[in-house]
Amino acid sequence: MRSVTPSAYPVGVIDPTDLVYLEEQLGRTPYPPARIVCRCSAGRPVVVEQPPTTPDGEPFPTAYWLCCPGLIHEVSVLESAGGVRALEERMAEDDELAAVFDAAMERHRALRPEYRLGIGGVRSERAVKCLHAHVAFALANPPYPIGAAVLADAGGIPTTCCMERA
């Protein structure tokens, strides 16, 4: 069984262990995150909040980054099955869904007014670049029904840590 809600582990301040976990999860040295927004049942990061810029001063494309390998995989399966195109097509036909999407994009842009980048770093309206970013935004900045629906379609947050499986 999988959860669609974050664990009870504390979020916020990052300790050195979190940075080790993030490197394991991402398979590379991560850009230093601002804070952990959501954790799995084992306390590992699921979503981190990124500073507006990288250490080199370049704009970071999105405020929240999904880092749980199991959840990343499940969302990638949805993307591979045409999830991005399907969401864009649904918004073209459903004004209410499009309004929810537009409101979330504006909430994301307000987090980084100097860059005016939407979820996933997009600049244009109604463009879905990455379902992963929408899941991360839903977990970090609810309510966001579209990202929550993608999360549910992906099976939710794993109830056992994918990094601890044999």
N, C-alpha and C. Protein backbone atom coordinates (compact mmCIF):
# COMPACT_ATOMS: atom_id res chain seq x y z
N MET A 1 0.85 -1.18 0.00
CA MET A 1 0.00 0.00 0.00
C MET A 1 0.89 1.24 0.00
N ARG A 2 0.45 2.27 -0.71
CA ARG A 2 1.22 3.49 -0.81
C ARG A 2 0.42 4.64 -0.25
N SER A 3 1.12 5.61 0.23
CA SER A 3 0.52 6.79 0.83
C SER A 3 0.47 7.92 -0.19
N VAL A 4 -0.55 8.76 -0.09
CA VAL A 4 -0.59 9.96 -0.91
C VAL A 4 -0.29 11.18 -0.07
N THR A 5 0.03 10.98 1.19
CA THR A 5 0.37 12.09 2.07
C THR A 5 1.80 11.93 2.58
N PRO A 6 2.45 13.03 2.89
CA PRO A 6 3.83 12.95 3.40
C PRO A 6 3.88 12.24 4.76
N SER A 7 5.06 11.77 5.12
CA SER A 7 5.25 11.09 6.39
C SER A 7 5.24 12.08 7.55
N ALA A 8 5.29 11.53 8.75
CA ALA A 8 5.29 12.36 9.96
C ALA A 8 6.70 12.84 10.33
N TYR A 9 7.71 12.46 9.56
CA TYR A 9 9.07 12.91 9.85
C TYR A 9 9.15 14.42 9.72
N PRO A 10 10.01 15.05 10.51
CA PRO A 10 10.11 16.51 10.44
C PRO A 10 10.65 16.97 9.09
N VAL A 11 10.17 18.11 8.66
CA VAL A 11 10.66 18.72 7.44
C VAL A 11 11.34 20.03 7.80
N GLY A 12 11.99 20.62 6.86
CA GLY A 12 12.63 21.90 7.12
C GLY A 12 14.13 21.80 7.04
N VAL A 13 14.79 21.98 8.17
CA VAL A 13 16.24 22.06 8.22
C VAL A 13 16.87 20.79 7.65
N ILE A 14 17.95 20.98 6.93
CA ILE A 14 18.67 19.88 6.31
C ILE A 14 19.89 19.56 7.14
N ASP A 15 20.09 18.27 7.42
CA ASP A 15 21.31 17.89 8.11
C ASP A 15 22.24 17.18 7.12
N PRO A 16 23.48 16.92 7.51
CA PRO A 16 24.44 16.30 6.58
C PRO A 16 23.97 14.95 6.04
N THR A 17 23.21 14.19 6.83
CA THR A 17 22.70 12.90 6.36
C THR A 17 21.75 13.10 5.18
N ASP A 18 20.94 14.15 5.24
CA ASP A 18 20.04 14.43 4.13
C ASP A 18 20.80 14.65 2.83
N LEU A 19 21.93 15.32 2.91
CA LEU A 19 22.72 15.57 1.70
C LEU A 19 23.30 14.27 1.14
N VAL A 20 23.68 13.35 2.03
CA VAL A 20 24.16 12.04 1.59
C VAL A 20 23.01 11.29 0.91
N TYR A 21 21.82 11.29 1.53
CA TYR A 21 20.65 10.63 0.93
C TYR A 21 20.34 11.22 -0.44
N LEU A 22 20.35 12.55 -0.53
CA LEU A 22 20.04 13.19 -1.80
C LEU A 22 21.03 12.77 -2.88
N GLU A 23 22.30 12.69 -2.53
CA GLU A 23 23.30 12.27 -3.52
C GLU A 23 23.03 10.83 -3.96
N GLU A 24 22.69 9.94 -3.01
CA GLU A 24 22.33 8.57 -3.36
C GLU A 24 21.10 8.53 -4.26
N GLN A 25 20.09 9.31 -3.89
CA GLN A 25 18.84 9.29 -4.63
C GLN A 25 19.02 9.80 -6.06
N LEU A 26 19.75 10.88 -6.21
CA LEU A 26 19.89 11.53 -7.52
C LEU A 26 21.03 10.94 -8.35
N GLY A 27 21.96 10.25 -7.70
CA GLY A 27 23.10 9.69 -8.41
C GLY A 27 24.12 10.74 -8.80
N ARG A 28 24.08 11.87 -8.13
CA ARG A 28 25.02 12.98 -8.39
C ARG A 28 25.01 13.89 -7.17
N THR A 29 25.99 14.76 -7.11
CA THR A 29 26.00 15.76 -6.04
C THR A 29 24.86 16.74 -6.30
N PRO A 30 23.97 16.90 -5.33
CA PRO A 30 22.84 17.81 -5.56
C PRO A 30 23.23 19.27 -5.40
N TYR A 31 22.48 20.13 -6.07
CA TYR A 31 22.60 21.55 -5.73
C TYR A 31 22.10 21.68 -4.30
N PRO A 32 22.73 22.49 -3.49
CA PRO A 32 22.29 22.59 -2.09
C PRO A 32 20.84 23.06 -2.00
N PRO A 33 19.97 22.23 -1.42
CA PRO A 33 18.57 22.63 -1.28
C PRO A 33 18.37 23.60 -0.14
N ALA A 34 17.27 24.34 -0.20
CA ALA A 34 16.93 25.27 0.87
C ALA A 34 16.34 24.54 2.08
N ARG A 35 15.51 23.52 1.80
CA ARG A 35 14.91 22.75 2.88
C ARG A 35 14.27 21.48 2.32
N ILE A 36 14.02 20.55 3.22
CA ILE A 36 13.27 19.34 2.88
C ILE A 36 11.80 19.69 3.05
N VAL A 37 11.00 19.43 2.05
CA VAL A 37 9.59 19.76 2.09
C VAL A 37 8.74 18.55 2.46
N CYS A 38 9.16 17.37 2.02
CA CYS A 38 8.40 16.14 2.22
C CYS A 38 9.38 14.99 2.36
N ARG A 39 9.06 14.07 3.28
CA ARG A 39 9.90 12.89 3.50
C ARG A 39 9.07 11.62 3.35
N CYS A 40 9.76 10.51 3.08
CA CYS A 40 9.09 9.21 2.99
C CYS A 40 8.97 8.61 4.38
N SER A 41 8.43 7.41 4.44
CA SER A 41 8.21 6.74 5.73
C SER A 41 9.51 6.45 6.46
N ALA A 42 10.63 6.38 5.73
CA ALA A 42 11.93 6.15 6.35
C ALA A 42 12.65 7.45 6.69
N GLY A 43 12.01 8.56 6.42
CA GLY A 43 12.59 9.86 6.74
C GLY A 43 13.48 10.46 5.67
N ARG A 44 13.59 9.77 4.53
CA ARG A 44 14.43 10.31 3.44
C ARG A 44 13.66 11.37 2.66
N PRO A 45 14.38 12.29 2.05
CA PRO A 45 13.72 13.34 1.27
C PRO A 45 12.91 12.78 0.10
N VAL A 46 11.73 13.32 -0.09
CA VAL A 46 10.90 13.04 -1.26
C VAL A 46 10.85 14.28 -2.14
N VAL A 47 10.73 15.45 -1.51
CA VAL A 47 10.71 16.73 -2.22
C VAL A 47 11.60 17.70 -1.46
N VAL A 48 12.44 18.41 -2.21
CA VAL A 48 13.24 19.49 -1.62
C VAL A 48 12.85 20.80 -2.27
N GLU A 49 13.00 21.87 -1.50
CA GLU A 49 12.84 23.21 -2.05
C GLU A 49 14.21 23.70 -2.46
N GLN A 50 14.31 24.19 -3.69
CA GLN A 50 15.58 24.67 -4.21
C GLN A 50 15.63 26.19 -4.11
N PRO A 51 16.82 26.73 -3.85
CA PRO A 51 16.98 28.19 -3.91
C PRO A 51 16.70 28.68 -5.34
N PRO A 52 16.43 29.95 -5.50
CA PRO A 52 16.14 30.47 -6.84
C PRO A 52 17.27 30.33 -7.84
N THR A 53 18.52 30.22 -7.34
CA THR A 53 19.65 30.10 -8.26
C THR A 53 20.55 28.94 -7.85
N THR A 54 21.30 28.45 -8.83
CA THR A 54 22.29 27.42 -8.58
C THR A 54 23.50 28.09 -7.91
N PRO A 55 24.45 27.32 -7.40
CA PRO A 55 25.66 27.93 -6.84
C PRO A 55 26.41 28.81 -7.85
N ASP A 56 26.23 28.57 -9.15
CA ASP A 56 26.87 29.38 -10.19
C ASP A 56 26.09 30.65 -10.51
N GLY A 57 24.92 30.83 -9.86
CA GLY A 57 24.13 32.02 -10.11
C GLY A 57 23.09 31.89 -11.20
N GLU A 58 22.98 30.72 -11.81
CA GLU A 58 21.98 30.50 -12.86
C GLU A 58 20.61 30.26 -12.21
N PRO A 59 19.53 30.71 -12.85
CA PRO A 59 18.20 30.44 -12.29
C PRO A 59 17.94 28.93 -12.21
N PHE A 60 17.44 28.48 -11.06
CA PHE A 60 17.02 27.08 -10.95
C PHE A 60 15.60 27.03 -11.49
N PRO A 61 15.28 26.07 -12.35
CA PRO A 61 14.03 26.13 -13.11
C PRO A 61 12.74 25.97 -12.31
N THR A 62 12.80 25.35 -11.16
CA THR A 62 11.57 25.09 -10.42
C THR A 62 11.84 25.18 -8.93
N ALA A 63 10.85 25.58 -8.17
CA ALA A 63 11.05 25.77 -6.73
C ALA A 63 11.19 24.45 -5.99
N TYR A 64 10.51 23.42 -6.47
CA TYR A 64 10.49 22.14 -5.74
C TYR A 64 10.97 21.03 -6.66
N TRP A 65 11.77 20.12 -6.06
CA TRP A 65 12.40 19.06 -6.84
C TRP A 65 12.04 17.71 -6.23
N LEU A 66 11.50 16.84 -7.06
CA LEU A 66 11.17 15.48 -6.63
C LEU A 66 12.46 14.67 -6.61
N CYS A 67 12.74 13.97 -5.50
CA CYS A 67 14.01 13.26 -5.40
C CYS A 67 13.88 11.80 -4.98
N CYS A 68 12.70 11.30 -4.71
CA CYS A 68 12.49 9.89 -4.35
C CYS A 68 12.58 9.04 -5.62
N PRO A 69 13.59 8.14 -5.72
CA PRO A 69 13.76 7.37 -6.95
C PRO A 69 12.54 6.52 -7.32
N GLY A 70 11.88 5.93 -6.33
CA GLY A 70 10.71 5.11 -6.62
C GLY A 70 9.58 5.94 -7.21
N LEU A 71 9.33 7.09 -6.63
CA LEU A 71 8.27 7.96 -7.13
C LEU A 71 8.67 8.57 -8.48
N ILE A 72 9.93 8.93 -8.63
CA ILE A 72 10.40 9.44 -9.92
C ILE A 72 10.14 8.41 -11.01
N HIS A 73 10.45 7.15 -10.71
CA HIS A 73 10.22 6.08 -11.69
C HIS A 73 8.75 5.97 -12.07
N GLU A 74 7.89 5.97 -11.07
CA GLU A 74 6.45 5.81 -11.34
C GLU A 74 5.90 6.98 -12.15
N VAL A 75 6.34 8.19 -11.86
CA VAL A 75 5.89 9.36 -12.63
C VAL A 75 6.48 9.29 -14.04
N SER A 76 7.70 8.80 -14.18
CA SER A 76 8.30 8.64 -15.51
C SER A 76 7.49 7.66 -16.36
N VAL A 77 6.96 6.62 -15.74
CA VAL A 77 6.10 5.68 -16.47
C VAL A 77 4.88 6.41 -17.02
N LEU A 78 4.29 7.28 -16.19
CA LEU A 78 3.14 8.06 -16.65
C LEU A 78 3.52 8.99 -17.80
N GLU A 79 4.68 9.63 -17.68
CA GLU A 79 5.14 10.51 -18.77
C GLU A 79 5.36 9.71 -20.04
N SER A 80 5.98 8.55 -19.92
CA SER A 80 6.27 7.71 -21.09
C SER A 80 4.99 7.25 -21.78
N ALA A 81 3.93 7.14 -21.02
CA ALA A 81 2.64 6.72 -21.57
C ALA A 81 1.85 7.90 -22.14
N GLY A 82 2.48 9.06 -22.27
CA GLY A 82 1.82 10.22 -22.86
C GLY A 82 1.14 11.13 -21.87
N GLY A 83 1.54 11.08 -20.61
CA GLY A 83 0.89 11.86 -19.57
C GLY A 83 0.95 13.36 -19.76
N VAL A 84 2.05 13.86 -20.28
CA VAL A 84 2.18 15.30 -20.49
C VAL A 84 1.18 15.75 -21.57
N ARG A 85 1.19 15.07 -22.68
CA ARG A 85 0.28 15.42 -23.78
C ARG A 85 -1.18 15.26 -23.34
N ALA A 86 -1.47 14.21 -22.60
CA ALA A 86 -2.84 13.98 -22.15
C ALA A 86 -3.32 15.12 -21.25
N LEU A 87 -2.46 15.59 -20.35
CA LEU A 87 -2.84 16.70 -19.48
C LEU A 87 -3.06 17.97 -20.29
N GLU A 88 -2.19 18.25 -21.23
CA GLU A 88 -2.37 19.44 -22.07
C GLU A 88 -3.66 19.35 -22.88
N GLU A 89 -3.98 18.18 -23.40
CA GLU A 89 -5.22 18.01 -24.17
C GLU A 89 -6.45 18.17 -23.27
N ARG A 90 -6.39 17.63 -22.05
CA ARG A 90 -7.51 17.79 -21.12
C ARG A 90 -7.74 19.25 -20.78
N MET A 91 -6.66 20.00 -20.58
CA MET A 91 -6.80 21.43 -20.27
C MET A 91 -7.39 22.20 -21.44
N ALA A 92 -7.07 21.79 -22.67
CA ALA A 92 -7.61 22.46 -23.84
C ALA A 92 -9.13 22.28 -23.94
N GLU A 93 -9.64 21.21 -23.34
CA GLU A 93 -11.07 20.91 -23.41
C GLU A 93 -11.83 21.25 -22.13
N ASP A 94 -11.12 21.47 -21.03
CA ASP A 94 -11.77 21.67 -19.73
C ASP A 94 -11.30 22.99 -19.12
N ASP A 95 -12.15 24.00 -19.22
CA ASP A 95 -11.79 25.34 -18.73
C ASP A 95 -11.53 25.36 -17.23
N GLU A 96 -12.27 24.55 -16.48
CA GLU A 96 -12.08 24.52 -15.02
C GLU A 96 -10.72 23.93 -14.67
N LEU A 97 -10.35 22.85 -15.34
CA LEU A 97 -9.04 22.24 -15.12
C LEU A 97 -7.94 23.23 -15.52
N ALA A 98 -8.12 23.90 -16.62
CA ALA A 98 -7.14 24.88 -17.08
C ALA A 98 -6.99 26.01 -16.07
N ALA A 99 -8.09 26.43 -15.46
CA ALA A 99 -8.03 27.51 -14.46
C ALA A 99 -7.25 27.07 -13.23
N VAL A 100 -7.42 25.82 -12.82
CA VAL A 100 -6.66 25.28 -11.68
C VAL A 100 -5.17 25.27 -12.02
N PHE A 101 -4.85 24.84 -13.22
CA PHE A 101 -3.46 24.80 -13.68
C PHE A 101 -2.87 26.21 -13.70
N ASP A 102 -3.61 27.16 -14.29
CA ASP A 102 -3.13 28.54 -14.38
C ASP A 102 -2.88 29.13 -13.00
N ALA A 103 -3.77 28.86 -12.05
CA ALA A 103 -3.62 29.38 -10.69
C ALA A 103 -2.36 28.81 -10.03
N ALA A 104 -2.11 27.52 -10.23
CA ALA A 104 -0.91 26.91 -9.66
C ALA A 104 0.35 27.49 -10.30
N MET A 105 0.31 27.73 -11.59
CA MET A 105 1.47 28.32 -12.27
C MET A 105 1.75 29.72 -11.71
N GLU A 106 0.71 30.49 -11.46
CA GLU A 106 0.90 31.82 -10.89
C GLU A 106 1.43 31.74 -9.47
N ARG A 107 0.97 30.77 -8.69
CA ARG A 107 1.50 30.59 -7.33
C ARG A 107 2.99 30.28 -7.40
N HIS A 108 3.40 29.44 -8.38
CA HIS A 108 4.81 29.12 -8.52
C HIS A 108 5.60 30.35 -8.96
N ARG A 109 5.08 31.10 -9.90
CA ARG A 109 5.77 32.31 -10.36
C ARG A 109 5.95 33.30 -9.22
N ALA A 110 4.99 33.37 -8.32
CA ALA A 110 5.08 34.30 -7.18
C ALA A 110 6.20 33.90 -6.22
N LEU A 111 6.60 32.64 -6.23
CA LEU A 111 7.70 32.20 -5.38
C LEU A 111 9.03 32.78 -5.85
N ARG A 112 9.12 33.07 -7.12
CA ARG A 112 10.35 33.59 -7.74
C ARG A 112 10.00 34.69 -8.72
N PRO A 113 9.53 35.80 -8.20
CA PRO A 113 9.05 36.85 -9.11
C PRO A 113 10.11 37.39 -10.05
N GLU A 114 11.38 37.29 -9.66
CA GLU A 114 12.44 37.82 -10.53
C GLU A 114 12.61 37.00 -11.81
N TYR A 115 12.16 35.74 -11.82
CA TYR A 115 12.32 34.89 -13.00
C TYR A 115 11.00 34.61 -13.71
N ARG A 116 9.91 34.70 -12.98
CA ARG A 116 8.57 34.44 -13.55
C ARG A 116 8.49 33.09 -14.26
N LEU A 117 9.08 32.08 -13.65
CA LEU A 117 9.03 30.73 -14.22
C LEU A 117 7.90 29.95 -13.55
N GLY A 118 7.14 29.23 -14.37
CA GLY A 118 6.09 28.39 -13.84
C GLY A 118 6.64 27.04 -13.39
N ILE A 119 5.75 26.16 -13.00
CA ILE A 119 6.14 24.82 -12.55
C ILE A 119 6.93 24.14 -13.66
N GLY A 120 8.07 23.58 -13.30
CA GLY A 120 8.94 22.94 -14.28
C GLY A 120 9.80 23.92 -15.05
N GLY A 121 9.74 25.20 -14.68
CA GLY A 121 10.56 26.20 -15.33
C GLY A 121 9.98 26.74 -16.63
N VAL A 122 8.70 26.46 -16.88
CA VAL A 122 8.10 26.93 -18.14
C VAL A 122 7.75 28.41 -18.08
N ARG A 123 7.82 29.04 -19.21
CA ARG A 123 7.50 30.46 -19.31
C ARG A 123 6.12 30.68 -19.95
N SER A 124 5.68 29.73 -20.75
CA SER A 124 4.42 29.91 -21.46
C SER A 124 3.24 29.35 -20.65
N GLU A 125 2.09 29.84 -20.98
CA GLU A 125 0.86 29.37 -20.33
C GLU A 125 0.49 27.98 -20.85
N ARG A 126 -0.03 27.19 -19.99
CA ARG A 126 -0.59 25.88 -20.30
C ARG A 126 0.40 24.91 -20.94
N ALA A 127 1.67 25.10 -20.69
CA ALA A 127 2.67 24.15 -21.15
C ALA A 127 3.06 23.27 -19.97
N VAL A 128 3.01 21.98 -20.18
CA VAL A 128 3.40 21.02 -19.15
C VAL A 128 4.74 20.45 -19.58
N LYS A 129 5.77 20.79 -18.85
CA LYS A 129 7.10 20.31 -19.22
C LYS A 129 7.40 18.97 -18.55
N CYS A 130 6.95 18.82 -17.30
CA CYS A 130 7.42 17.70 -16.50
C CYS A 130 6.39 17.37 -15.42
N LEU A 131 5.85 16.16 -15.46
CA LEU A 131 4.89 15.75 -14.44
C LEU A 131 5.54 15.66 -13.06
N HIS A 132 6.83 15.35 -13.03
CA HIS A 132 7.55 15.27 -11.75
C HIS A 132 7.46 16.59 -10.99
N ALA A 133 7.62 17.69 -11.70
CA ALA A 133 7.57 19.00 -11.06
C ALA A 133 6.17 19.31 -10.53
N HIS A 134 5.16 18.82 -11.21
CA HIS A 134 3.78 19.04 -10.74
C HIS A 134 3.49 18.22 -9.48
N VAL A 135 4.03 17.02 -9.40
CA VAL A 135 3.89 16.22 -8.18
C VAL A 135 4.62 16.91 -7.03
N ALA A 136 5.84 17.36 -7.29
CA ALA A 136 6.60 18.05 -6.25
C ALA A 136 5.86 19.29 -5.75
N PHE A 137 5.29 20.06 -6.67
CA PHE A 137 4.55 21.26 -6.29
C PHE A 137 3.32 20.89 -5.45
N ALA A 138 2.63 19.83 -5.82
CA ALA A 138 1.44 19.39 -5.07
C ALA A 138 1.80 19.01 -3.64
N LEU A 139 2.94 18.37 -3.45
CA LEU A 139 3.36 17.96 -2.11
C LEU A 139 3.88 19.14 -1.30
N ALA A 140 4.47 20.12 -1.97
CA ALA A 140 5.09 21.23 -1.28
C ALA A 140 4.17 22.42 -1.07
N ASN A 141 3.21 22.59 -1.96
CA ASN A 141 2.41 23.81 -1.95
C ASN A 141 0.94 23.48 -2.23
N PRO A 142 0.32 22.64 -1.40
CA PRO A 142 -1.07 22.28 -1.63
C PRO A 142 -2.00 23.45 -1.32
N PRO A 143 -3.21 23.43 -1.79
CA PRO A 143 -3.77 22.36 -2.63
C PRO A 143 -3.43 22.58 -4.09
N TYR A 144 -3.16 21.50 -4.76
CA TYR A 144 -2.95 21.51 -6.21
C TYR A 144 -3.50 20.19 -6.74
N PRO A 145 -4.78 20.17 -7.08
CA PRO A 145 -5.44 18.92 -7.47
C PRO A 145 -4.82 18.21 -8.67
N ILE A 146 -4.26 18.95 -9.61
CA ILE A 146 -3.67 18.30 -10.79
C ILE A 146 -2.45 17.49 -10.37
N GLY A 147 -1.54 18.10 -9.62
CA GLY A 147 -0.36 17.38 -9.15
C GLY A 147 -0.73 16.25 -8.22
N ALA A 148 -1.75 16.47 -7.38
CA ALA A 148 -2.21 15.41 -6.47
C ALA A 148 -2.77 14.23 -7.26
N ALA A 149 -3.46 14.50 -8.36
CA ALA A 149 -4.00 13.42 -9.19
C ALA A 149 -2.88 12.63 -9.87
N VAL A 150 -1.84 13.33 -10.33
CA VAL A 150 -0.69 12.64 -10.92
C VAL A 150 -0.02 11.78 -9.85
N LEU A 151 0.12 12.34 -8.65
CA LEU A 151 0.71 11.57 -7.54
C LEU A 151 -0.11 10.31 -7.27
N ALA A 152 -1.41 10.43 -7.24
CA ALA A 152 -2.27 9.26 -7.00
C ALA A 152 -2.13 8.26 -8.14
N ASP A 153 -2.10 8.73 -9.39
CA ASP A 153 -1.92 7.84 -10.54
C ASP A 153 -0.59 7.11 -10.47
N ALA A 154 0.42 7.76 -9.87
CA ALA A 154 1.75 7.15 -9.72
C ALA A 154 1.81 6.20 -8.52
N GLY A 155 0.73 6.11 -7.77
CA GLY A 155 0.70 5.20 -6.62
C GLY A 155 0.98 5.87 -5.30
N GLY A 156 1.18 7.18 -5.28
CA GLY A 156 1.44 7.89 -4.03
C GLY A 156 2.89 7.75 -3.58
N ILE A 157 3.14 8.30 -2.41
CA ILE A 157 4.47 8.19 -1.82
C ILE A 157 4.66 6.75 -1.34
N PRO A 158 5.74 6.09 -1.72
CA PRO A 158 5.94 4.71 -1.25
C PRO A 158 5.92 4.63 0.27
N THR A 159 5.28 3.62 0.81
CA THR A 159 5.21 3.46 2.26
C THR A 159 6.45 2.77 2.81
N THR A 160 7.22 2.15 1.94
CA THR A 160 8.52 1.65 2.34
C THR A 160 9.56 2.34 1.46
N CYS A 161 10.67 2.69 2.05
CA CYS A 161 11.66 3.47 1.33
C CYS A 161 12.27 2.64 0.20
N CYS A 162 12.21 3.18 -1.01
CA CYS A 162 12.76 2.48 -2.17
C CYS A 162 14.28 2.36 -2.10
N MET A 163 14.93 3.22 -1.30
CA MET A 163 16.38 3.17 -1.17
C MET A 163 16.83 2.09 -0.20
N GLU A 164 15.91 1.54 0.56
CA GLU A 164 16.25 0.52 1.55
C GLU A 164 15.85 -0.88 1.11
N ARG A 165 15.26 -1.01 -0.06
CA ARG A 165 14.86 -2.33 -0.57
C ARG A 165 16.07 -3.11 -1.01
N ALA A 166 15.99 -4.41 -0.84
CA ALA A 166 17.11 -5.27 -1.26
C ALA A 166 17.10 -5.52 -2.74
